[in-house]
Amino acid sequence: MLVCAKTGDRQGEFERLKEAVKANPQFARGYLFLAKAYLDRNENFDEAIRLALKGLELEPEAESAPLGHYVLADIYNHLGRLAEYRAELEKGQALEARARKR
């Protein structure tokens, strides 16, 4: 994945993320990064939501958990689901604030 990211191979990076999640269904961060990749591609928001929720379910307090909430917030904002957007934004901000206090 790093090679793909460094060379700008976004499609390759996307495919490696899909493979990583398939190979290790407990890879919470992989689900979050894959959800972000869908968001960046501006496609398949339903799948991106499912992936972000799965990653957060696996590790709700992980260092990468704010990313999941921010991805969800961005998608909900894009879809005009403003109450859900605000809720996810607040969750991500709260996790970041707790992490800074540690």
C-alpha atoms as a PDB file:
ATOM      1  CA  MET A   1       0.000   0.000   0.000  1.00  0.00           C
ATOM      2  CA  LEU A   2       2.819   2.398   0.828  1.00  0.00           C
ATOM      3  CA  VAL A   3       4.413   1.973  -2.586  1.00  0.00           C
ATOM      4  CA  CYS A   4       1.088   2.677  -4.265  1.00  0.00           C
ATOM      5  CA  ALA A   5       0.535   5.753  -2.113  1.00  0.00           C
ATOM      6  CA  LYS A   6       4.043   7.103  -2.726  1.00  0.00           C
ATOM      7  CA  THR A   7       3.814   6.576  -6.489  1.00  0.00           C
ATOM      8  CA  GLY A   8       0.334   8.071  -6.730  1.00  0.00           C
ATOM      9  CA  ASP A   9      -1.248   4.776  -7.784  1.00  0.00           C
ATOM     10  CA  ARG A  10      -4.641   5.483  -6.215  1.00  0.00           C
ATOM     11  CA  GLN A  11      -6.313   2.520  -7.891  1.00  0.00           C
ATOM     12  CA  GLY A  12      -3.569   0.184  -6.704  1.00  0.00           C
ATOM     13  CA  GLU A  13      -3.814   1.582  -3.190  1.00  0.00           C
ATOM     14  CA  PHE A  14      -7.597   1.114  -3.282  1.00  0.00           C
ATOM     15  CA  GLU A  15      -7.231  -2.521  -4.395  1.00  0.00           C
ATOM     16  CA  ARG A  16      -4.579  -3.247  -1.719  1.00  0.00           C
ATOM     17  CA  LEU A  17      -6.912  -1.862   0.966  1.00  0.00           C
ATOM     18  CA  LYS A  18      -9.713  -4.119  -0.235  1.00  0.00           C
ATOM     19  CA  GLU A  19      -7.344  -7.103  -0.155  1.00  0.00           C
ATOM     20  CA  ALA A  20      -6.074  -6.209   3.325  1.00  0.00           C
ATOM     21  CA  VAL A  21      -9.583  -6.064   4.788  1.00  0.00           C
ATOM     22  CA  LYS A  22     -10.528  -9.320   3.076  1.00  0.00           C
ATOM     23  CA  ALA A  23      -7.372 -11.035   4.368  1.00  0.00           C
ATOM     24  CA  ASN A  24      -7.823  -9.744   7.923  1.00  0.00           C
ATOM     25  CA  PRO A  25     -11.472  -9.070   8.846  1.00  0.00           C
ATOM     26  CA  GLN A  26     -10.305  -7.695  12.231  1.00  0.00           C
ATOM     27  CA  PHE A  27      -8.195  -4.919  10.628  1.00  0.00           C
ATOM     28  CA  ALA A  28     -10.201  -1.970  11.961  1.00  0.00           C
ATOM     29  CA  ARG A  29      -7.927   0.704  10.509  1.00  0.00           C
ATOM     30  CA  GLY A  30      -8.176  -0.971   7.098  1.00  0.00           C
ATOM     31  CA  TYR A  31     -11.945  -0.564   7.118  1.00  0.00           C
ATOM     32  CA  LEU A  32     -11.573   3.119   7.972  1.00  0.00           C
ATOM     33  CA  PHE A  33      -8.978   3.756   5.264  1.00  0.00           C
ATOM     34  CA  LEU A  34     -11.084   1.900   2.705  1.00  0.00           C
ATOM     35  CA  ALA A  35     -14.140   3.956   3.689  1.00  0.00           C
ATOM     36  CA  LYS A  36     -12.030   7.104   3.200  1.00  0.00           C
ATOM     37  CA  ALA A  37     -10.914   5.830  -0.203  1.00  0.00           C
ATOM     38  CA  TYR A  38     -14.542   5.457  -1.294  1.00  0.00           C
ATOM     39  CA  LEU A  39     -15.243   8.970  -0.031  1.00  0.00           C
ATOM     40  CA  ASP A  40     -12.231  10.331  -1.928  1.00  0.00           C
ATOM     41  CA  ARG A  41     -13.496   8.595  -5.068  1.00  0.00           C
ATOM     42  CA  ASN A  42     -16.940  10.119  -4.465  1.00  0.00           C
ATOM     43  CA  GLU A  43     -18.594   6.755  -4.975  1.00  0.00           C
ATOM     44  CA  ASN A  44     -20.479   3.996  -3.208  1.00  0.00           C
ATOM     45  CA  PHE A  45     -21.319   5.975  -0.083  1.00  0.00           C
ATOM     46  CA  ASP A  46     -23.454   3.133   1.277  1.00  0.00           C
ATOM     47  CA  GLU A  47     -20.425   0.849   1.255  1.00  0.00           C
ATOM     48  CA  ALA A  48     -18.237   3.574   2.755  1.00  0.00           C
ATOM     49  CA  ILE A  49     -20.727   4.012   5.608  1.00  0.00           C
ATOM     50  CA  ARG A  50     -20.815   0.254   6.203  1.00  0.00           C
ATOM     51  CA  LEU A  51     -17.008   0.051   6.241  1.00  0.00           C
ATOM     52  CA  ALA A  52     -16.558   3.010   8.583  1.00  0.00           C
ATOM     53  CA  LEU A  53     -19.139   1.621  10.992  1.00  0.00           C
ATOM     54  CA  LYS A  54     -17.420  -1.784  10.922  1.00  0.00           C
ATOM     55  CA  GLY A  55     -14.026  -0.245  11.672  1.00  0.00           C
ATOM     56  CA  LEU A  56     -15.481   1.763  14.537  1.00  0.00           C
ATOM     57  CA  GLU A  57     -17.270  -1.302  15.870  1.00  0.00           C
ATOM     58  CA  LEU A  58     -14.003  -3.245  15.937  1.00  0.00           C
ATOM     59  CA  GLU A  59     -11.971  -0.511  17.689  1.00  0.00           C
ATOM     60  CA  PRO A  60     -14.176   2.371  18.880  1.00  0.00           C
ATOM     61  CA  GLU A  61     -11.399   4.026  20.924  1.00  0.00           C
ATOM     62  CA  ALA A  62      -8.457   3.448  18.566  1.00  0.00           C
ATOM     63  CA  GLU A  63      -6.126   6.241  17.563  1.00  0.00           C
ATOM     64  CA  SER A  64      -7.642   6.057  14.073  1.00  0.00           C
ATOM     65  CA  ALA A  65     -11.274   6.128  15.290  1.00  0.00           C
ATOM     66  CA  PRO A  66     -11.724   9.889  14.748  1.00  0.00           C
ATOM     67  CA  LEU A  67     -11.059   9.263  11.044  1.00  0.00           C
ATOM     68  CA  GLY A  68     -14.062   6.939  10.934  1.00  0.00           C
ATOM     69  CA  HIS A  69     -16.310   9.547  12.482  1.00  0.00           C
ATOM     70  CA  TYR A  70     -15.010  12.251  10.139  1.00  0.00           C
ATOM     71  CA  VAL A  71     -15.534  10.044   7.096  1.00  0.00           C
ATOM     72  CA  LEU A  72     -19.096   9.391   8.230  1.00  0.00           C
ATOM     73  CA  ALA A  73     -19.612  13.104   8.880  1.00  0.00           C
ATOM     74  CA  ASP A  74     -18.381  13.981   5.375  1.00  0.00           C
ATOM     75  CA  ILE A  75     -20.640  11.418   3.750  1.00  0.00           C
ATOM     76  CA  TYR A  76     -23.685  12.449   5.771  1.00  0.00           C
ATOM     77  CA  ASN A  77     -23.007  16.097   4.925  1.00  0.00           C
ATOM     78  CA  HIS A  78     -22.738  15.209   1.244  1.00  0.00           C
ATOM     79  CA  LEU A  79     -26.058  13.348   1.478  1.00  0.00           C
ATOM     80  CA  GLY A  80     -27.745  16.230   3.298  1.00  0.00           C
ATOM     81  CA  ARG A  81     -28.182  14.222   6.503  1.00  0.00           C
ATOM     82  CA  LEU A  82     -27.182  17.137   8.713  1.00  0.00           C
ATOM     83  CA  ALA A  83     -28.179  15.766  12.128  1.00  0.00           C
ATOM     84  CA  GLU A  84     -26.045  12.660  11.511  1.00  0.00           C
ATOM     85  CA  TYR A  85     -23.256  14.861  10.149  1.00  0.00           C
ATOM     86  CA  ARG A  86     -23.168  16.921  13.350  1.00  0.00           C
ATOM     87  CA  ALA A  87     -23.332  13.846  15.591  1.00  0.00           C
ATOM     88  CA  GLU A  88     -20.390  12.155  13.863  1.00  0.00           C
ATOM     89  CA  LEU A  89     -18.370  15.362  13.798  1.00  0.00           C
ATOM     90  CA  GLU A  90     -18.861  15.762  17.557  1.00  0.00           C
ATOM     91  CA  LYS A  91     -17.872  12.132  18.185  1.00  0.00           C
ATOM     92  CA  GLY A  92     -14.652  12.564  16.206  1.00  0.00           C
ATOM     93  CA  GLN A  93     -13.811  15.803  17.989  1.00  0.00           C
ATOM     94  CA  ALA A  94     -14.489  14.257  21.404  1.00  0.00           C
ATOM     95  CA  LEU A  95     -12.174  11.315  20.640  1.00  0.00           C
ATOM     96  CA  GLU A  96      -9.434  13.682  19.512  1.00  0.00           C
ATOM     97  CA  ALA A  97      -9.815  15.779  22.663  1.00  0.00           C
ATOM     98  CA  ARG A  98      -9.524  12.665  24.850  1.00  0.00           C
ATOM     99  CA  ALA A  99      -6.440  11.531  22.939  1.00  0.00           C
ATOM    100  CA  ARG A 100      -4.735  14.907  23.489  1.00  0.00           C
ATOM    101  CA  LYS A 101      -5.285  14.594  27.250  1.00  0.00           C
ATOM    102  CA  ARG A 102      -3.492  11.244  27.433  1.00  0.00           C
END
